Amino acid sequence: MTGNGTRSKRSALPAVFKVAPSASSSRPPASTEKINQWRARLVFLSTALGAFLVTANVSTMNVAFPDLEQTFTTTSRGSLTWALNAYTISFAALLIPAGRLADRFGRRRVFMIGLAIFALSSLLVGAAPNFLVVIGARVAQGVGGALLTPASLGLLLAVTPDSARMTTVAKWGSLTALGVATGPAVGSLIVNAYGWRWAFLTLPPFCLLAYLTGKTTLPRNTPNDEAPFPDIFGAILLATSMALLAFSIVQVGPWGWTSPGVVISLLLSLVLLVVTFLKGLRHRAPAIPTHLFRIRSLNMANLATTIQSAGLSASILVNILWLTQGWGYSIRTAGLATAPLPMLVACLAPLVGKLGTRYGVRVIAVPGSFSWGVGVLMYALFVTETPNYWGLWLPSSILVAIGVATTFPIVSAAAVSEVPADDFAVGGSLNQVGRQFGSTVGVAALITLVGPGADVEAFHNAWFVTAATGPIAALAVFFIREPASNS
């Protein structure tokens, strides 16, 4: 991407990201500068902490899953996946509408509401008397996460000088990536010591910290009554479509592919998805911005992201189940065993971003997709009931980590490389929707393949399917159009 292209992308950010010019051109007093710097640090802590909790919450549930099975022993493994999918579905369906709500009613207000919903629903998950309450509370968590995520970056950039924006965004992104990286390790220690409930009961104090640091420092913006009201009904249709699709996949095991329940659920899912698209054609602020689907780079990048997320999310959960039930690891040991993968991804991501800018998306992400596929294929070919962490599992995980690090960051950037200025933020959110959609489908499909037990052949089949997502994603990446400077 050329320098002019980069500048156009920055100017393309919505008004939420613009910093009001100073009332005076004179340099402010040193004491005022220190106050402004301190305020900016508190805003960063508040917004980045909120985004960190949202991402850490996803990976923490993966390590909590085995303990969840021990609590709700009469609930099938397929049904238990709704503890994961309820969150990702509500988060994905409301992400774009939530961003529009922040523009209309004020980013500070929406961020605080999202933080409160996330904290209260976390308490409800931890105190849930039955599994139905867990699912309902996880839906509420997704709502809270969707509300606070789009607003958090806008609030941060509103108090950041132009010269420091790129550095600030990088730090903010690193903390969200750190949430994914530390979730398994920290979550496994909590779950192993106190049980899965405490993995959620520990979240509200950090939400309170985010609230207190942002209470008097987060910038206020005037609500825009002229901004279009988001298509909430369309978001509900999208969430219902995703839920029916996940349900049909999960029920393949007990009911069979040709059963009326599976077929009807799948058809209803497709019908509701079509209705959501058609509704979006007539709405000023649709749940799915259909006009962006004319952009090939966005389509191919989102397709690659969806496939990658399906494989990665499913693999993380299946790996935890195998380590705890196949090899007999404790939850703590399993969490620590999987921690190198996300930590390596977090470390490699900044370097990969520079390489992608220099050499182009395809040069980096196509081999990366194959690296990921080969790493998972090693699980499928060589994992046996005899534990072999250092000689097999860790090397395979390193290949997977290299693949993830060389695909997700630059493919997400490529998704918005040709998006028009006015739709830059929406295009980025659409990529996040694809990520959550892929995660939902992947978890449902792989749990169906694994079944209720710990049969090594069933896990091999799951890993074979996951490994196939690598080359399929590579094919989608290959058709992403490169910026002119990289051609």
Protein backbone atom coordinates (compact mmCIF):
# COMPACT_ATOMS: atom_id res chain seq x y z
CA MET A 1 0.00 0.00 0.00
CA THR A 2 1.40 3.40 -0.92
CA GLY A 3 1.91 6.19 1.54
CA ASN A 4 -0.98 8.09 0.01
CA GLY A 5 -3.13 5.00 0.34
CA THR A 6 -2.28 4.77 4.00
CA ARG A 7 -3.17 8.40 4.56
CA SER A 8 -6.46 7.93 2.79
CA LYS A 9 -7.29 5.00 5.04
CA ARG A 10 -6.62 7.08 8.12
CA SER A 11 -8.78 9.88 6.86
CA ALA A 12 -11.37 7.26 6.05
CA LEU A 13 -11.97 6.58 9.70
CA PRO A 14 -15.35 7.88 10.87
CA ALA A 15 -15.77 11.07 12.84
CA VAL A 16 -15.43 9.08 16.03
CA PHE A 17 -11.70 8.76 15.30
CA LYS A 18 -11.06 12.45 14.62
CA VAL A 19 -9.40 14.63 17.23
CA ALA A 20 -10.82 18.11 17.64
CA PRO A 21 -8.21 20.82 16.96
CA SER A 22 -6.88 22.78 19.85
CA ALA A 23 -8.65 26.03 20.65
CA SER A 24 -5.29 27.80 20.73
CA SER A 25 -2.26 27.33 18.52
CA SER A 26 0.09 28.19 21.37
CA ARG A 27 1.89 25.45 23.23
CA PRO A 28 0.04 24.49 26.45
CA PRO A 29 1.79 24.81 29.80
CA ALA A 30 3.93 21.89 30.94
CA SER A 31 1.50 21.10 33.77
CA THR A 32 -1.36 20.88 31.27
CA GLU A 33 0.68 18.55 29.07
CA LYS A 34 1.31 16.25 32.02
CA ILE A 35 -2.39 16.21 32.87
CA ASN A 36 -3.27 15.39 29.26
CA GLN A 37 -0.68 12.59 29.16
CA TRP A 38 -2.00 11.14 32.41
CA ARG A 39 -5.54 11.33 31.11
CA ALA A 40 -4.53 9.59 27.87
CA ARG A 41 -2.92 6.78 29.88
CA LEU A 42 -6.09 6.29 31.92
CA VAL A 43 -8.22 6.26 28.77
CA PHE A 44 -5.88 3.68 27.27
CA LEU A 45 -6.10 1.54 30.40
CA SER A 46 -9.89 1.72 30.48
CA THR A 47 -10.53 0.99 26.81
CA ALA A 48 -7.76 -1.57 26.29
CA LEU A 49 -8.71 -3.42 29.48
CA GLY A 50 -12.29 -3.71 28.25
CA ALA A 51 -11.16 -5.12 24.90
CA PHE A 52 -8.67 -7.41 26.67
CA LEU A 53 -11.41 -8.96 28.81
CA VAL A 54 -13.61 -9.61 25.77
CA THR A 55 -10.88 -11.54 23.95
CA ALA A 56 -9.55 -13.33 27.03
CA ASN A 57 -13.09 -14.51 27.80
CA VAL A 58 -13.18 -16.54 24.56
CA SER A 59 -10.00 -18.52 25.12
CA THR A 60 -10.73 -18.99 28.83
CA MET A 61 -13.93 -20.90 28.07
CA ASN A 62 -11.93 -23.43 26.03
CA VAL A 63 -9.88 -24.50 29.04
CA ALA A 64 -12.98 -24.37 31.26
CA PHE A 65 -14.88 -26.75 28.98
CA PRO A 66 -13.67 -30.05 30.52
CA ASP A 67 -14.60 -28.84 34.00
CA LEU A 68 -17.95 -27.69 32.64
CA GLU A 69 -18.56 -31.26 31.52
CA GLN A 70 -17.89 -32.48 35.05
CA THR A 71 -20.47 -30.05 36.45
CA PHE A 72 -23.29 -30.69 33.99
CA THR A 73 -22.87 -34.43 33.63
CA THR A 74 -26.34 -35.02 32.17
CA THR A 75 -25.76 -32.52 29.35
CA SER A 76 -24.25 -33.85 26.13
CA ARG A 77 -20.96 -32.52 24.81
CA GLY A 78 -22.73 -31.14 21.76
CA SER A 79 -25.17 -29.20 23.94
CA LEU A 80 -22.32 -27.88 26.06
CA THR A 81 -20.82 -26.21 22.99
CA TRP A 82 -23.56 -23.60 23.38
CA ALA A 83 -21.53 -22.21 26.27
CA LEU A 84 -19.08 -21.19 23.53
CA ASN A 85 -21.40 -20.54 20.61
CA ALA A 86 -23.96 -18.47 22.52
CA TYR A 87 -21.24 -15.89 23.11
CA THR A 88 -19.77 -15.85 19.60
CA ILE A 89 -23.20 -15.70 17.92
CA SER A 90 -24.52 -12.74 19.91
CA PHE A 91 -21.17 -10.97 19.63
CA ALA A 92 -20.98 -11.44 15.85
CA ALA A 93 -24.58 -10.49 15.11
CA LEU A 94 -24.48 -7.26 17.14
CA LEU A 95 -20.97 -6.06 16.34
CA ILE A 96 -21.87 -3.84 13.37
CA PRO A 97 -25.14 -2.51 14.87
CA ALA A 98 -23.28 -1.77 18.12
CA GLY A 99 -20.82 0.43 16.27
CA ARG A 100 -23.71 2.39 14.77
CA LEU A 101 -25.33 2.69 18.22
CA ALA A 102 -22.09 4.20 19.52
CA ASP A 103 -22.15 6.80 16.73
CA ARG A 104 -25.79 7.66 17.41
CA PHE A 105 -25.95 7.68 21.22
CA GLY A 106 -22.34 8.41 22.18
CA ARG A 107 -19.31 6.15 22.40
CA ARG A 108 -18.68 6.76 26.10
CA ARG A 109 -22.26 5.87 27.02
CA VAL A 110 -22.32 2.73 24.88
CA PHE A 111 -18.89 1.64 26.17
CA MET A 112 -19.99 1.98 29.80
CA ILE A 113 -23.27 0.16 29.16
CA GLY A 114 -21.39 -2.65 27.44
CA LEU A 115 -18.94 -2.85 30.33
CA ALA A 116 -21.78 -3.08 32.86
CA ILE A 117 -23.61 -5.78 30.88
CA PHE A 118 -20.40 -7.76 30.51
CA ALA A 119 -19.64 -7.56 34.24
CA LEU A 120 -23.14 -8.49 35.41
CA SER A 121 -23.47 -11.34 32.93
CA SER A 122 -20.07 -12.69 34.02
CA LEU A 123 -21.36 -12.84 37.58
CA LEU A 124 -24.46 -14.63 36.34
CA VAL A 125 -22.39 -17.22 34.44
CA GLY A 126 -20.35 -17.96 37.55
CA ALA A 127 -23.42 -18.25 39.79
CA ALA A 128 -25.65 -20.05 37.27
CA PRO A 129 -27.78 -22.75 38.96
CA ASN A 130 -28.27 -24.68 35.71
CA PHE A 131 -26.96 -24.84 32.17
CA LEU A 132 -29.82 -22.87 30.63
CA VAL A 133 -28.84 -19.90 32.77
CA VAL A 134 -25.24 -20.34 31.62
CA ILE A 135 -26.34 -20.07 27.99
CA GLY A 136 -28.51 -17.02 28.65
CA ALA A 137 -25.71 -15.30 30.54
CA ARG A 138 -23.24 -16.09 27.77
CA VAL A 139 -25.59 -14.45 25.26
CA ALA A 140 -25.63 -11.37 27.50
CA GLN A 141 -21.83 -11.45 27.66
CA GLY A 142 -21.73 -11.37 23.87
CA VAL A 143 -24.06 -8.37 23.86
CA GLY A 144 -21.82 -6.54 26.33
CA GLY A 145 -18.69 -7.41 24.38
CA ALA A 146 -20.25 -6.23 21.12
CA LEU A 147 -21.24 -2.90 22.67
CA LEU A 148 -17.89 -2.06 24.20
CA THR A 149 -15.55 -3.30 21.46
CA PRO A 150 -16.32 -0.83 18.61
CA ALA A 151 -16.55 2.09 21.04
CA SER A 152 -13.27 1.37 22.82
CA LEU A 153 -10.91 2.18 19.95
CA GLY A 154 -12.85 5.28 18.97
CA LEU A 155 -12.66 6.61 22.54
CA LEU A 156 -8.93 5.95 22.64
CA LEU A 157 -8.20 7.68 19.35
CA ALA A 158 -10.27 10.70 20.37
CA VAL A 159 -7.62 11.64 22.97
CA THR A 160 -4.60 10.58 20.93
CA PRO A 161 -2.58 13.10 18.85
CA ASP A 162 -2.28 12.35 15.14
CA SER A 163 1.44 11.69 15.46
CA ALA A 164 0.90 8.94 18.04
CA ARG A 165 -2.15 7.22 16.57
CA MET A 166 -0.42 4.34 14.80
CA THR A 167 1.65 3.52 17.88
CA THR A 168 -1.41 3.71 20.12
CA VAL A 169 -3.48 1.47 17.86
CA ALA A 170 -0.62 -1.06 17.79
CA LYS A 171 -0.47 -1.10 21.59
CA TRP A 172 -4.24 -1.46 21.81
CA GLY A 173 -4.17 -4.33 19.34
CA SER A 174 -1.31 -5.99 21.20
CA LEU A 175 -3.30 -6.00 24.43
CA THR A 176 -6.31 -7.57 22.74
CA ALA A 177 -4.01 -10.21 21.25
CA LEU A 178 -2.49 -10.67 24.71
CA GLY A 179 -5.98 -11.50 25.95
CA VAL A 180 -6.12 -14.46 23.59
CA ALA A 181 -2.57 -15.45 24.51
CA THR A 182 -2.92 -15.34 28.29
CA GLY A 183 -6.47 -16.68 28.45
CA PRO A 184 -5.57 -20.39 28.33
CA ALA A 185 -2.70 -20.17 30.83
CA VAL A 186 -4.34 -17.89 33.39
CA GLY A 187 -7.77 -19.48 32.90
CA SER A 188 -6.40 -22.99 33.42
CA LEU A 189 -4.73 -21.97 36.69
CA ILE A 190 -8.00 -20.50 37.97
CA VAL A 191 -10.14 -23.41 36.78
CA ASN A 192 -7.72 -26.01 38.15
CA ALA A 193 -7.60 -24.35 41.58
CA TYR A 194 -11.17 -23.13 42.05
CA GLY A 195 -13.36 -24.50 39.24
CA TRP A 196 -14.76 -23.06 36.00
CA ARG A 197 -17.13 -20.65 37.76
CA TRP A 198 -14.26 -18.58 39.10
CA ALA A 199 -12.93 -18.03 35.59
CA PHE A 200 -15.97 -15.74 35.21
CA LEU A 201 -16.34 -14.46 38.77
CA THR A 202 -12.89 -12.86 38.50
CA LEU A 203 -13.92 -10.71 35.51
CA PRO A 204 -16.18 -8.11 37.24
CA PRO A 205 -13.38 -6.58 39.38
CA PHE A 206 -11.42 -5.85 36.21
CA CYS A 207 -14.56 -4.40 34.62
CA LEU A 208 -14.85 -2.17 37.69
CA LEU A 209 -11.23 -1.06 37.21
CA ALA A 210 -11.98 -0.20 33.57
CA TYR A 211 -15.02 1.80 34.73
CA LEU A 212 -13.17 3.71 37.46
CA THR A 213 -10.23 4.64 35.23
CA GLY A 214 -12.58 5.81 32.51
CA LYS A 215 -15.30 7.43 34.62
CA THR A 216 -13.82 10.94 34.53
CA THR A 217 -11.36 10.58 31.66
CA LEU A 218 -13.22 9.03 28.73
CA PRO A 219 -14.14 11.76 26.22
CA ARG A 220 -17.76 12.64 25.69
CA ASN A 221 -19.12 13.11 22.20
CA THR A 222 -22.42 14.68 21.26
CA PRO A 223 -24.95 12.02 20.25
CA ASN A 224 -25.77 12.20 16.56
CA ASP A 225 -29.54 12.09 16.24
CA GLU A 226 -29.23 12.17 12.45
CA ALA A 227 -27.20 8.97 12.32
CA PRO A 228 -29.30 6.05 11.06
CA PHE A 229 -30.64 3.71 13.70
CA PRO A 230 -29.08 0.25 13.24
CA ASP A 231 -31.06 -2.69 11.97
CA ILE A 232 -31.54 -4.50 15.27
CA PHE A 233 -34.18 -6.81 13.84
CA GLY A 234 -31.76 -7.77 11.09
CA ALA A 235 -29.15 -8.55 13.75
CA ILE A 236 -31.65 -10.81 15.53
CA LEU A 237 -32.37 -12.59 12.23
CA LEU A 238 -28.65 -13.07 11.66
CA ALA A 239 -28.13 -14.45 15.18
CA THR A 240 -31.07 -16.83 14.75
CA SER A 241 -29.69 -18.02 11.41
CA MET A 242 -26.28 -18.71 12.96
CA ALA A 243 -27.86 -20.49 15.93
CA LEU A 244 -29.96 -22.75 13.68
CA LEU A 245 -26.91 -23.60 11.57
CA ALA A 246 -24.89 -24.52 14.65
CA PHE A 247 -27.82 -26.51 16.03
CA SER A 248 -28.21 -28.50 12.81
CA ILE A 249 -24.50 -29.37 12.80
CA VAL A 250 -24.45 -30.38 16.47
CA GLN A 251 -27.51 -32.60 16.01
CA VAL A 252 -26.02 -34.54 13.10
CA GLY A 253 -24.45 -36.95 15.61
CA PRO A 254 -27.59 -37.96 17.54
CA TRP A 255 -30.11 -37.46 14.70
CA GLY A 256 -28.24 -38.09 11.44
CA TRP A 257 -27.75 -35.91 8.34
CA THR A 258 -31.07 -36.85 6.75
CA SER A 259 -33.23 -36.46 9.84
CA PRO A 260 -36.14 -33.98 9.52
CA GLY A 261 -34.90 -31.93 12.45
CA VAL A 262 -31.45 -31.39 10.93
CA VAL A 263 -32.77 -30.69 7.43
CA ILE A 264 -35.46 -28.26 8.61
CA SER A 265 -33.02 -26.40 10.90
CA LEU A 266 -30.51 -26.06 8.06
CA LEU A 267 -33.14 -24.81 5.59
CA LEU A 268 -34.51 -22.30 8.10
CA SER A 269 -31.00 -21.06 8.72
CA LEU A 270 -30.46 -20.43 5.01
CA VAL A 271 -33.87 -18.77 4.61
CA LEU A 272 -33.22 -16.36 7.50
CA LEU A 273 -29.77 -15.54 6.14
CA VAL A 274 -31.27 -14.67 2.75
CA VAL A 275 -33.95 -12.56 4.45
CA THR A 276 -31.24 -10.72 6.39
CA PHE A 277 -29.37 -9.95 3.16
CA LEU A 278 -32.53 -8.77 1.37
CA LYS A 279 -33.52 -6.64 4.35
CA GLY A 280 -30.07 -5.08 4.31
CA LEU A 281 -30.57 -3.89 0.74
CA ARG A 282 -33.31 -1.52 1.90
CA HIS A 283 -31.91 -0.39 5.26
CA ARG A 284 -29.65 2.63 5.77
CA ALA A 285 -27.67 0.88 8.52
CA PRO A 286 -28.03 -2.87 7.85
CA ALA A 287 -26.80 -5.66 10.10
CA ILE A 288 -24.88 -6.95 7.06
CA PRO A 289 -23.54 -4.18 4.78
CA THR A 290 -24.44 -5.91 1.51
CA HIS A 291 -23.05 -3.13 -0.71
CA LEU A 292 -19.52 -4.09 0.38
CA PHE A 293 -19.79 -7.54 -1.14
CA ARG A 294 -18.91 -6.08 -4.53
CA ILE A 295 -15.29 -5.74 -3.35
CA ARG A 296 -13.32 -8.87 -4.26
CA SER A 297 -10.49 -8.38 -1.77
CA LEU A 298 -13.01 -8.01 1.06
CA ASN A 299 -14.92 -11.11 -0.03
CA MET A 300 -11.83 -13.29 -0.38
CA ALA A 301 -10.26 -12.01 2.86
CA ASN A 302 -13.48 -12.58 4.79
CA LEU A 303 -13.83 -16.06 3.29
CA ALA A 304 -10.27 -16.88 4.30
CA THR A 305 -10.86 -15.46 7.80
CA THR A 306 -14.05 -17.50 8.22
CA ILE A 307 -12.29 -20.72 7.18
CA GLN A 308 -9.27 -19.97 9.35
CA SER A 309 -11.44 -19.20 12.38
CA ALA A 310 -13.45 -22.38 11.91
CA GLY A 311 -10.27 -24.43 11.96
CA LEU A 312 -8.49 -22.55 14.73
CA SER A 313 -11.38 -22.31 17.21
CA ALA A 314 -12.31 -25.95 16.71
CA SER A 315 -8.69 -27.06 17.01
CA ILE A 316 -8.15 -25.19 20.29
CA LEU A 317 -11.18 -26.81 21.91
CA VAL A 318 -10.47 -30.28 20.51
CA ASN A 319 -6.85 -30.04 21.66
CA ILE A 320 -7.90 -29.19 25.21
CA LEU A 321 -10.30 -32.14 25.23
CA TRP A 322 -7.62 -34.52 23.98
CA LEU A 323 -4.97 -33.33 26.43
CA THR A 324 -7.32 -33.68 29.41
CA GLN A 325 -9.19 -36.82 28.41
CA GLY A 326 -6.89 -38.57 25.93
CA TRP A 327 -3.58 -37.98 27.65
CA GLY A 328 -5.00 -37.42 31.12
CA TYR A 329 -3.50 -33.98 31.71
CA SER A 330 -4.94 -31.81 34.44
CA ILE A 331 -6.70 -28.65 33.31
CA ARG A 332 -3.77 -26.59 34.55
CA THR A 333 -1.24 -28.69 32.62
CA ALA A 334 -3.39 -28.66 29.49
CA GLY A 335 -3.76 -24.88 29.66
CA LEU A 336 -0.02 -24.40 30.05
CA ALA A 337 0.61 -26.92 27.25
CA THR A 338 -1.50 -24.89 24.82
CA ALA A 339 -0.21 -21.49 25.97
CA PRO A 340 2.89 -21.39 23.70
CA LEU A 341 0.71 -21.22 20.57
CA PRO A 342 -1.15 -17.94 21.31
CA MET A 343 1.91 -16.42 23.00
CA LEU A 344 4.05 -17.09 19.94
CA VAL A 345 1.32 -15.61 17.75
CA ALA A 346 1.25 -12.44 19.86
CA CYS A 347 5.04 -12.12 19.57
CA LEU A 348 5.18 -12.74 15.82
CA ALA A 349 2.19 -10.60 14.80
CA PRO A 350 4.02 -7.20 14.75
CA LEU A 351 6.85 -8.61 12.60
CA VAL A 352 4.42 -10.29 10.23
CA GLY A 353 2.55 -7.02 9.76
CA LYS A 354 5.74 -5.37 8.50
CA LEU A 355 6.52 -8.29 6.21
CA GLY A 356 3.00 -8.24 4.79
CA THR A 357 3.31 -4.53 4.01
CA ARG A 358 6.63 -5.10 2.28
CA TYR A 359 6.03 -8.32 0.35
CA GLY A 360 2.25 -8.53 0.03
CA VAL A 361 -0.49 -10.68 1.53
CA ARG A 362 -0.18 -13.71 -0.72
CA VAL A 363 3.59 -14.11 -0.30
CA ILE A 364 3.20 -14.36 3.48
CA ALA A 365 -0.30 -15.75 4.10
CA VAL A 366 -0.40 -18.55 1.51
CA PRO A 367 2.65 -20.39 2.94
CA GLY A 368 1.36 -19.53 6.41
CA SER A 369 -1.93 -21.28 5.71
CA PHE A 370 -0.06 -24.40 4.63
CA SER A 371 2.15 -24.22 7.74
CA TRP A 372 -0.97 -24.23 9.86
CA GLY A 373 -2.43 -27.15 7.92
CA VAL A 374 0.78 -29.18 8.25
CA GLY A 375 0.95 -28.56 11.99
CA VAL A 376 -2.58 -29.86 12.55
CA LEU A 377 -1.93 -32.73 10.11
CA MET A 378 0.89 -33.86 12.40
CA TYR A 379 -1.65 -34.21 15.22
CA ALA A 380 -3.83 -36.35 12.95
CA LEU A 381 -1.02 -38.59 11.73
CA PHE A 382 1.16 -39.08 14.78
CA VAL A 383 -0.78 -38.47 18.01
CA THR A 384 -1.38 -41.72 19.90
CA GLU A 385 -2.69 -42.55 23.32
CA THR A 386 0.90 -42.34 24.61
CA PRO A 387 1.70 -38.74 25.60
CA ASN A 388 4.48 -37.09 23.59
CA TYR A 389 4.45 -33.37 24.25
CA TRP A 390 8.05 -32.31 23.58
CA GLY A 391 8.70 -34.54 20.59
CA LEU A 392 5.36 -34.09 18.80
CA TRP A 393 2.83 -31.76 20.34
CA LEU A 394 5.05 -28.70 20.84
CA PRO A 395 6.67 -28.82 17.36
CA SER A 396 3.24 -29.22 15.78
CA SER A 397 1.89 -26.32 17.84
CA ILE A 398 4.79 -24.13 16.71
CA LEU A 399 3.91 -24.80 13.06
CA VAL A 400 0.28 -23.93 13.82
CA ALA A 401 1.35 -20.74 15.62
CA ILE A 402 3.51 -19.65 12.68
CA GLY A 403 0.56 -20.29 10.39
CA VAL A 404 -1.87 -18.30 12.52
CA ALA A 405 0.57 -15.40 12.96
CA THR A 406 1.23 -15.17 9.21
CA THR A 407 -2.43 -15.25 8.22
CA PHE A 408 -4.88 -13.60 10.63
CA PRO A 409 -3.26 -10.14 11.05
CA ILE A 410 -2.47 -9.40 7.40
CA VAL A 411 -5.60 -11.05 5.99
CA SER A 412 -7.68 -8.84 8.30
CA ALA A 413 -5.77 -5.82 7.00
CA ALA A 414 -6.30 -6.96 3.41
CA ALA A 415 -10.04 -7.15 4.05
CA VAL A 416 -10.25 -3.34 4.21
CA SER A 417 -7.52 -2.53 1.67
CA GLU A 418 -10.06 -1.60 -1.04
CA VAL A 419 -12.98 -0.56 1.16
CA PRO A 420 -14.24 2.99 0.46
CA ALA A 421 -13.40 5.71 2.96
CA ASP A 422 -16.86 5.99 4.48
CA ASP A 423 -17.10 2.23 5.09
CA PHE A 424 -13.63 1.57 6.50
CA ALA A 425 -14.77 0.84 10.06
CA VAL A 426 -17.78 -1.20 8.90
CA GLY A 427 -15.55 -3.28 6.63
CA GLY A 428 -13.27 -4.11 9.55
CA SER A 429 -16.24 -5.09 11.67
CA LEU A 430 -17.55 -7.30 8.88
CA ASN A 431 -14.26 -9.20 8.98
CA GLN A 432 -14.78 -9.73 12.71
CA VAL A 433 -18.27 -11.06 12.01
CA GLY A 434 -16.76 -13.60 9.61
CA ARG A 435 -14.30 -14.63 12.30
CA GLN A 436 -17.03 -15.26 14.87
CA PHE A 437 -19.23 -17.05 12.32
CA GLY A 438 -16.37 -19.38 11.41
CA SER A 439 -15.68 -20.05 15.06
CA THR A 440 -19.31 -21.00 15.67
CA VAL A 441 -19.47 -23.42 12.73
CA GLY A 442 -16.03 -24.90 13.44
CA VAL A 443 -16.74 -25.69 17.09
CA ALA A 444 -20.10 -27.28 16.25
CA ALA A 445 -18.66 -29.39 13.41
CA LEU A 446 -15.58 -30.66 15.23
CA ILE A 447 -17.47 -31.57 18.40
CA THR A 448 -19.85 -33.56 16.21
CA LEU A 449 -16.88 -35.44 14.74
CA VAL A 450 -15.23 -36.07 18.12
CA GLY A 451 -18.40 -37.33 19.78
CA PRO A 452 -18.91 -37.83 23.50
CA GLY A 453 -15.80 -39.87 24.34
CA ALA A 454 -12.03 -39.77 23.92
CA ASP A 455 -11.52 -42.23 21.07
CA VAL A 456 -8.25 -41.43 19.33
CA GLU A 457 -9.64 -42.24 15.88
CA ALA A 458 -12.45 -39.73 16.32
CA PHE A 459 -9.91 -37.07 17.25
CA HIS A 460 -7.78 -38.03 14.25
CA ASN A 461 -10.80 -37.43 12.00
CA ALA A 462 -11.38 -34.05 13.61
CA TRP A 463 -7.75 -33.05 13.07
CA PHE A 464 -7.83 -34.20 9.44
CA VAL A 465 -10.81 -31.95 8.78
CA THR A 466 -9.14 -29.05 10.59
CA ALA A 467 -5.91 -29.56 8.62
CA ALA A 468 -7.88 -29.22 5.39
CA THR A 469 -8.89 -25.68 6.31
CA GLY A 470 -5.26 -24.61 5.80
CA PRO A 471 -4.99 -25.16 2.02
CA ILE A 472 -8.62 -24.11 1.48
CA ALA A 473 -7.90 -20.79 3.22
CA ALA A 474 -4.71 -20.47 1.14
CA LEU A 475 -6.81 -20.70 -2.02
CA ALA A 476 -9.03 -17.85 -0.84
CA VAL A 477 -5.96 -15.77 0.11
CA PHE A 478 -4.48 -16.35 -3.36
CA PHE A 479 -7.39 -14.47 -4.95
CA ILE A 480 -7.01 -11.40 -2.74
CA ARG A 481 -6.03 -8.48 -4.97
CA GLU A 482 -2.70 -6.98 -3.93
CA PRO A 483 -2.24 -3.21 -3.54
CA ALA A 484 -0.45 -1.61 -6.45
CA SER A 485 2.77 -1.08 -4.48
CA ASN A 486 3.09 -4.82 -3.86
CA SER A 487 2.48 -5.99 -7.39
